[in-house]
Amino acid sequence: MNWTHFLLWLAGGYGLYYLIVILTDLAHSKRQDVASGNPHELTFTEQVTPVQLAAQAVQPTKSPIKSEVIGSGGVPITDLFRLAKQEAIIYTRSISF
């Protein structure tokens, strides 16, 4: 028996197994009465009384304070590359990657 023959038998076995599972599932679904619903379904009932709430005035929210970029000192990226080429950036600690 070579690998091709083995894999064909294996695929045939899986195909036959899934065909049997699908057919038994279809056979069981036809036996259940659709009007009766699912007998294993849990339902809970509560007494709910509606309550009318008074309208409250909505207070306007304040917009968040815009913060400046602190990490690069507020320098645009193009200026940052220009400063790096001029070696004008002072490194205070090592950069870890």
C-alpha atoms as a PDB file:
ATOM      1  CA  MET A   1       0.000   0.000   0.000  1.00  0.00           C
ATOM      2  CA  ASN A   2       1.488   3.330  -1.037  1.00  0.00           C
ATOM      3  CA  TRP A   3       0.668   6.812   0.317  1.00  0.00           C
ATOM      4  CA  THR A   4      -1.793   7.652  -2.444  1.00  0.00           C
ATOM      5  CA  HIS A   5      -3.775   4.492  -1.828  1.00  0.00           C
ATOM      6  CA  PHE A   6      -3.732   5.108   1.938  1.00  0.00           C
ATOM      7  CA  LEU A   7      -4.868   8.731   1.597  1.00  0.00           C
ATOM      8  CA  LEU A   8      -7.689   7.713  -0.756  1.00  0.00           C
ATOM      9  CA  TRP A   9      -8.938   5.155   1.784  1.00  0.00           C
ATOM     10  CA  LEU A  10      -8.646   7.728   4.554  1.00  0.00           C
ATOM     11  CA  ALA A  11     -10.582  10.361   2.582  1.00  0.00           C
ATOM     12  CA  GLY A  12     -13.220   7.762   1.710  1.00  0.00           C
ATOM     13  CA  GLY A  13     -13.568   6.818   5.379  1.00  0.00           C
ATOM     14  CA  TYR A  14     -13.987  10.435   6.451  1.00  0.00           C
ATOM     15  CA  GLY A  15     -16.463  11.069   3.647  1.00  0.00           C
ATOM     16  CA  LEU A  16     -18.523   8.013   4.609  1.00  0.00           C
ATOM     17  CA  TYR A  17     -18.464   9.015   8.289  1.00  0.00           C
ATOM     18  CA  TYR A  18     -19.683  12.565   7.613  1.00  0.00           C
ATOM     19  CA  LEU A  19     -22.326  11.290   5.182  1.00  0.00           C
ATOM     20  CA  ILE A  20     -23.699   8.989   7.895  1.00  0.00           C
ATOM     21  CA  VAL A  21     -23.689  11.825  10.455  1.00  0.00           C
ATOM     22  CA  ILE A  22     -25.545  14.172   8.089  1.00  0.00           C
ATOM     23  CA  LEU A  23     -28.120  11.527   7.150  1.00  0.00           C
ATOM     24  CA  THR A  24     -28.829  10.619  10.788  1.00  0.00           C
ATOM     25  CA  ASP A  25     -29.172  14.306  11.654  1.00  0.00           C
ATOM     26  CA  LEU A  26     -31.674  14.773   8.828  1.00  0.00           C
ATOM     27  CA  ALA A  27     -33.596  11.672   9.939  1.00  0.00           C
ATOM     28  CA  HIS A  28     -33.855  12.986  13.511  1.00  0.00           C
ATOM     29  CA  SER A  29     -34.972  16.442  12.419  1.00  0.00           C
ATOM     30  CA  LYS A  30     -37.896  15.008  10.406  1.00  0.00           C
ATOM     31  CA  ARG A  31     -39.223  13.143  13.452  1.00  0.00           C
ATOM     32  CA  GLN A  32     -39.497  16.275  15.628  1.00  0.00           C
ATOM     33  CA  ASP A  33     -42.745  18.179  15.504  1.00  0.00           C
ATOM     34  CA  VAL A  34     -42.130  21.779  14.429  1.00  0.00           C
ATOM     35  CA  ALA A  35     -45.158  23.129  16.341  1.00  0.00           C
ATOM     36  CA  SER A  36     -43.986  21.679  19.662  1.00  0.00           C
ATOM     37  CA  GLY A  37     -40.734  23.633  19.580  1.00  0.00           C
ATOM     38  CA  ASN A  38     -37.558  22.571  21.275  1.00  0.00           C
ATOM     39  CA  PRO A  39     -38.352  20.543  24.433  1.00  0.00           C
ATOM     40  CA  HIS A  40     -34.968  21.467  25.921  1.00  0.00           C
ATOM     41  CA  GLU A  41     -35.503  25.221  25.589  1.00  0.00           C
ATOM     42  CA  LEU A  42     -35.663  27.150  28.874  1.00  0.00           C
ATOM     43  CA  THR A  43     -38.110  30.029  29.162  1.00  0.00           C
ATOM     44  CA  PHE A  44     -38.501  32.469  32.032  1.00  0.00           C
ATOM     45  CA  THR A  45     -41.381  34.852  32.648  1.00  0.00           C
ATOM     46  CA  GLU A  46     -41.252  37.996  34.767  1.00  0.00           C
ATOM     47  CA  GLN A  47     -43.821  40.526  35.814  1.00  0.00           C
ATOM     48  CA  VAL A  48     -42.658  43.772  34.224  1.00  0.00           C
ATOM     49  CA  THR A  49     -44.396  47.017  35.085  1.00  0.00           C
ATOM     50  CA  PRO A  50     -43.616  50.012  32.857  1.00  0.00           C
ATOM     51  CA  VAL A  51     -42.546  53.183  34.659  1.00  0.00           C
ATOM     52  CA  GLN A  52     -42.722  56.625  33.088  1.00  0.00           C
ATOM     53  CA  LEU A  53     -39.652  58.710  33.840  1.00  0.00           C
ATOM     54  CA  ALA A  54     -39.538  62.470  34.011  1.00  0.00           C
ATOM     55  CA  ALA A  55     -37.497  64.182  31.315  1.00  0.00           C
ATOM     56  CA  GLN A  56     -34.211  65.641  32.519  1.00  0.00           C
ATOM     57  CA  ALA A  57     -32.290  68.433  30.854  1.00  0.00           C
ATOM     58  CA  VAL A  58     -29.116  67.250  29.186  1.00  0.00           C
ATOM     59  CA  GLN A  59     -26.053  69.200  30.238  1.00  0.00           C
ATOM     60  CA  PRO A  60     -23.579  69.916  27.454  1.00  0.00           C
ATOM     61  CA  THR A  61     -20.336  68.052  27.878  1.00  0.00           C
ATOM     62  CA  LYS A  62     -17.012  69.817  27.775  1.00  0.00           C
ATOM     63  CA  SER A  63     -14.669  68.832  24.989  1.00  0.00           C
ATOM     64  CA  PRO A  64     -11.495  67.126  26.181  1.00  0.00           C
ATOM     65  CA  ILE A  65      -8.375  69.232  26.401  1.00  0.00           C
ATOM     66  CA  LYS A  66      -6.115  68.653  23.425  1.00  0.00           C
ATOM     67  CA  SER A  67      -2.669  67.620  24.554  1.00  0.00           C
ATOM     68  CA  GLU A  68       0.509  68.284  22.639  1.00  0.00           C
ATOM     69  CA  VAL A  69       2.753  65.465  21.486  1.00  0.00           C
ATOM     70  CA  ILE A  70       5.361  65.081  24.193  1.00  0.00           C
ATOM     71  CA  GLY A  71       7.368  62.112  22.906  1.00  0.00           C
ATOM     72  CA  SER A  72       8.972  63.882  19.941  1.00  0.00           C
ATOM     73  CA  GLY A  73       9.006  67.347  21.496  1.00  0.00           C
ATOM     74  CA  GLY A  74       6.232  68.525  19.166  1.00  0.00           C
ATOM     75  CA  VAL A  75       8.431  68.212  16.064  1.00  0.00           C
ATOM     76  CA  PRO A  76       6.815  67.034  12.817  1.00  0.00           C
ATOM     77  CA  ILE A  77       8.180  63.796  11.407  1.00  0.00           C
ATOM     78  CA  THR A  78       9.873  65.495   8.449  1.00  0.00           C
ATOM     79  CA  ASP A  79      11.726  67.861  10.774  1.00  0.00           C
ATOM     80  CA  LEU A  80      12.619  64.927  13.005  1.00  0.00           C
ATOM     81  CA  PHE A  81      14.383  63.176  10.106  1.00  0.00           C
ATOM     82  CA  ARG A  82      16.095  66.427   9.131  1.00  0.00           C
ATOM     83  CA  LEU A  83      17.365  66.901  12.700  1.00  0.00           C
ATOM     84  CA  ALA A  84      18.552  63.283  12.803  1.00  0.00           C
ATOM     85  CA  LYS A  85      20.567  63.791   9.595  1.00  0.00           C
ATOM     86  CA  GLN A  86      22.152  66.913  11.108  1.00  0.00           C
ATOM     87  CA  GLU A  87      22.860  64.919  14.294  1.00  0.00           C
ATOM     88  CA  ALA A  88      21.120  67.633  16.312  1.00  0.00           C
ATOM     89  CA  ILE A  89      19.183  65.179  18.484  1.00  0.00           C
ATOM     90  CA  ILE A  90      20.641  64.522  21.922  1.00  0.00           C
ATOM     91  CA  TYR A  91      20.066  60.941  23.088  1.00  0.00           C
ATOM     92  CA  THR A  92      19.538  60.730  26.843  1.00  0.00           C
ATOM     93  CA  ARG A  93      19.287  56.938  27.011  1.00  0.00           C
ATOM     94  CA  SER A  94      19.844  53.924  24.821  1.00  0.00           C
ATOM     95  CA  ILE A  95      17.147  52.774  22.425  1.00  0.00           C
ATOM     96  CA  SER A  96      16.058  49.174  22.874  1.00  0.00           C
ATOM     97  CA  PHE A  97      14.532  47.223  20.026  1.00  0.00           C
END
